[in-house]
Amino acid sequence: MEQEGTGRSNEQGRRGADRNRVLKGAQVIFGSSTLNCVVLDISVSGARVSLTSPAVIPEIVALRLRDGSTYPACRRWARGTEIGLEFTGRARASGDAGHVRRAWVALEAVRAADPIGWLQILRSERFFGDEALQRAAEAAHMRLEAALRSHAAGEER
C-alpha cells in the first residue's frame, strides 16, 4: 500500500531508507557460527537476506559481504529462510591476510609508477566495502595523477 503523495510503500516509510535490489553472496555471523546467505536488498540502514536453510538467528549478528566489509546488525524479523537486518554501526573493513596482500600489490603498482593500476587492483578485488575508503583512494589517485602530470610538464621544458 502506498503512502499518499510519497510514492513509497508503508514498509519503506517505516524503514526510512530505500533499499536497492541486489543478489550478493554474504555471511551472517554470530558467536562462533557463520551461515552463508544471499543479500536480496540492501540500504544504508539494513538488508534483507536469504539463508540457505531455516535457522534460529539471534538478535545481535554481523553481516559480512564478499568484499570483506562487515556490518554489525540486529535481526528485526525472520520469515522462513529470509531475515531482515538493521545495521547498528559502520562497516568494518576485513583484516584478512588476502586483503593485506592485495593492498601490498597495489602499493607496489604505485611504486612502479603505474598511477592507475593500484586503484584498478583494489576495485577488481572488491576491496572497497566502505564508500569513505573508496572516495579517499580516488581522491589520492587524482592528487597523484596531478603531481605526475606536473612533474612531466616540468621535464618537457
Protein backbone atom coordinates (compact mmCIF):
# COMPACT_ATOMS: atom_id res chain seq x y z
CA MET A 1 0.00 0.00 0.00
CA GLU A 2 1.36 3.44 -0.94
CA GLN A 3 1.51 6.42 1.37
CA GLU A 4 -0.30 9.33 -0.22
CA GLY A 5 1.91 11.70 -2.12
CA THR A 6 5.19 9.92 -1.37
CA GLY A 7 5.27 7.09 -3.88
CA ARG A 8 6.80 4.96 -1.10
CA SER A 9 5.29 1.86 0.41
CA ASN A 10 4.43 1.75 4.11
CA GLU A 11 7.38 -0.60 4.66
CA GLN A 12 9.79 1.85 3.01
CA GLY A 13 8.32 4.67 5.11
CA ARG A 14 8.91 2.73 8.33
CA ARG A 15 12.42 1.77 7.22
CA GLY A 16 13.50 5.36 6.47
CA ALA A 17 15.83 4.39 3.61
CA ASP A 18 15.15 2.95 0.18
CA ARG A 19 16.70 -0.44 -0.43
CA ASN A 20 18.46 -1.47 -3.62
CA ARG A 21 17.71 -4.91 -5.01
CA VAL A 22 20.87 -7.00 -5.30
CA LEU A 23 21.94 -10.63 -5.33
CA LYS A 24 25.21 -10.76 -3.40
CA GLY A 25 26.79 -13.64 -1.57
CA ALA A 26 27.41 -12.91 2.11
CA GLN A 27 27.57 -14.46 5.55
CA VAL A 28 25.58 -13.93 8.74
CA ILE A 29 27.97 -14.22 11.70
CA PHE A 30 27.15 -14.73 15.37
CA GLY A 31 29.15 -16.32 18.16
CA SER A 32 31.34 -18.94 16.50
CA SER A 33 28.75 -19.59 13.75
CA THR A 34 28.93 -18.45 10.14
CA LEU A 35 25.94 -19.01 7.86
CA ASN A 36 26.11 -18.44 4.10
CA CYS A 37 23.36 -16.25 2.72
CA VAL A 38 22.35 -14.12 -0.25
CA VAL A 39 21.66 -10.40 0.21
CA LEU A 40 18.38 -9.70 -1.62
CA ASP A 41 18.24 -5.98 -0.95
CA ILE A 42 20.36 -3.51 0.96
CA SER A 43 20.33 0.12 2.07
CA VAL A 44 22.44 2.32 4.30
CA SER A 45 20.31 1.22 7.25
CA GLY A 46 19.89 -2.51 6.71
CA ALA A 47 19.45 -5.53 4.49
CA ARG A 48 17.10 -8.40 3.66
CA VAL A 49 18.93 -11.69 3.32
CA SER A 50 18.01 -15.26 2.44
CA LEU A 51 19.71 -18.15 4.22
CA THR A 52 20.32 -21.49 2.50
CA SER A 53 18.07 -23.20 5.08
CA PRO A 54 15.91 -22.08 8.02
CA ALA A 55 17.94 -21.33 11.14
CA VAL A 56 17.45 -19.72 14.54
CA ILE A 57 19.22 -16.37 14.31
CA PRO A 58 19.99 -14.40 17.48
CA GLU A 59 19.10 -10.74 17.76
CA ILE A 60 22.72 -9.47 17.52
CA VAL A 61 24.66 -10.57 14.43
CA ALA A 62 27.04 -9.26 11.79
CA LEU A 63 26.65 -9.33 8.01
CA ARG A 64 29.91 -9.91 6.11
CA LEU A 65 29.81 -9.14 2.40
CA ARG A 66 32.10 -10.76 -0.16
CA ASP A 67 34.24 -7.61 -0.34
CA GLY A 68 35.18 -8.25 3.29
CA SER A 69 33.18 -5.40 4.82
CA THR A 70 31.30 -6.42 7.94
CA TYR A 71 28.22 -4.63 9.28
CA PRO A 72 27.12 -5.05 12.91
CA ALA A 73 23.36 -5.63 12.86
CA CYS A 74 20.20 -6.51 14.77
CA ARG A 75 17.72 -9.07 13.48
CA ARG A 76 14.41 -7.24 13.12
CA TRP A 77 12.31 -10.05 11.64
CA ALA A 78 12.55 -13.61 10.31
CA ARG A 79 10.20 -15.44 7.91
CA GLY A 80 11.29 -18.90 6.79
CA THR A 81 14.74 -18.52 5.29
CA GLU A 82 14.57 -14.71 4.98
CA ILE A 83 15.66 -12.31 7.69
CA GLY A 84 15.61 -8.54 7.98
CA LEU A 85 18.66 -6.88 9.47
CA GLU A 86 19.08 -3.33 10.74
CA PHE A 87 22.66 -2.08 10.70
CA THR A 88 23.73 -0.81 14.12
CA GLY A 89 27.09 0.68 13.21
CA ARG A 90 29.52 1.47 10.43
CA ALA A 91 31.01 -1.23 8.25
CA ARG A 92 34.40 -2.52 9.28
CA ALA A 93 36.90 -3.49 6.59
CA SER A 94 38.12 -7.03 6.59
CA GLY A 95 41.50 -7.65 8.16
CA ASP A 96 42.13 -10.94 6.39
CA ALA A 97 45.59 -11.73 5.04
CA GLY A 98 44.30 -11.73 1.44
CA HIS A 99 43.25 -8.08 1.67
CA VAL A 100 46.59 -7.13 3.18
CA ARG A 101 48.44 -8.97 0.40
CA ARG A 102 46.32 -7.26 -2.29
CA ALA A 103 46.97 -3.86 -0.67
CA TRP A 104 50.74 -4.53 -0.90
CA VAL A 105 50.33 -5.44 -4.60
CA ALA A 106 48.52 -2.14 -5.09
CA LEU A 107 51.28 -0.26 -3.29
CA GLU A 108 53.90 -1.91 -5.50
CA ALA A 109 51.94 -0.77 -8.58
CA VAL A 110 52.19 2.82 -7.33
CA ARG A 111 55.91 2.40 -6.64
CA ALA A 112 56.33 1.11 -10.19
CA ALA A 113 54.93 4.45 -11.44
CA ASP A 114 51.64 2.91 -12.56
CA PRO A 115 49.31 5.68 -11.39
CA ILE A 116 46.07 3.85 -12.19
CA GLY A 117 47.00 0.21 -11.56
CA TRP A 118 46.64 0.28 -7.78
CA LEU A 119 43.09 1.64 -7.96
CA GLN A 120 42.11 -0.93 -10.58
CA ILE A 121 43.55 -3.72 -8.43
CA LEU A 122 41.57 -2.59 -5.39
CA ARG A 123 38.36 -2.25 -7.44
CA SER A 124 38.78 -5.65 -9.10
CA GLU A 125 39.23 -7.29 -5.70
CA ARG A 126 36.10 -5.50 -4.41
CA PHE A 127 38.30 -4.01 -1.68
CA PHE A 128 36.02 -1.01 -1.21
CA GLY A 129 33.30 -2.15 1.15
CA ASP A 130 33.29 1.30 2.71
CA GLU A 131 32.40 4.24 0.44
CA ALA A 132 34.58 6.61 2.51
CA LEU A 133 37.63 4.44 1.78
CA GLN A 134 36.81 4.41 -1.93
CA ARG A 135 36.38 8.21 -2.04
CA ALA A 136 39.67 8.70 -0.17
CA ALA A 137 41.52 6.36 -2.55
CA GLU A 138 40.05 8.06 -5.62
CA ALA A 139 40.98 11.50 -4.24
CA ALA A 140 44.52 10.26 -3.58
CA HIS A 141 44.64 8.92 -7.13
CA MET A 142 43.62 12.30 -8.55
CA ARG A 143 46.29 14.07 -6.47
CA LEU A 144 48.94 11.58 -7.58
CA GLU A 145 47.93 11.91 -11.23
CA ALA A 146 48.05 15.73 -10.98
CA ALA A 147 51.52 15.59 -9.38
CA LEU A 148 52.77 13.21 -12.08
CA ARG A 149 51.40 15.46 -14.84
CA SER A 150 53.03 18.49 -13.24
CA HIS A 151 56.31 16.62 -12.97
CA ALA A 152 56.11 15.52 -16.62
CA ALA A 153 55.34 19.09 -17.74
CA GLY A 154 58.42 20.34 -15.82
CA GLU A 155 60.64 17.79 -17.60
CA GLU A 156 59.39 18.86 -21.04
CA ARG A 157 60.56 22.44 -20.55
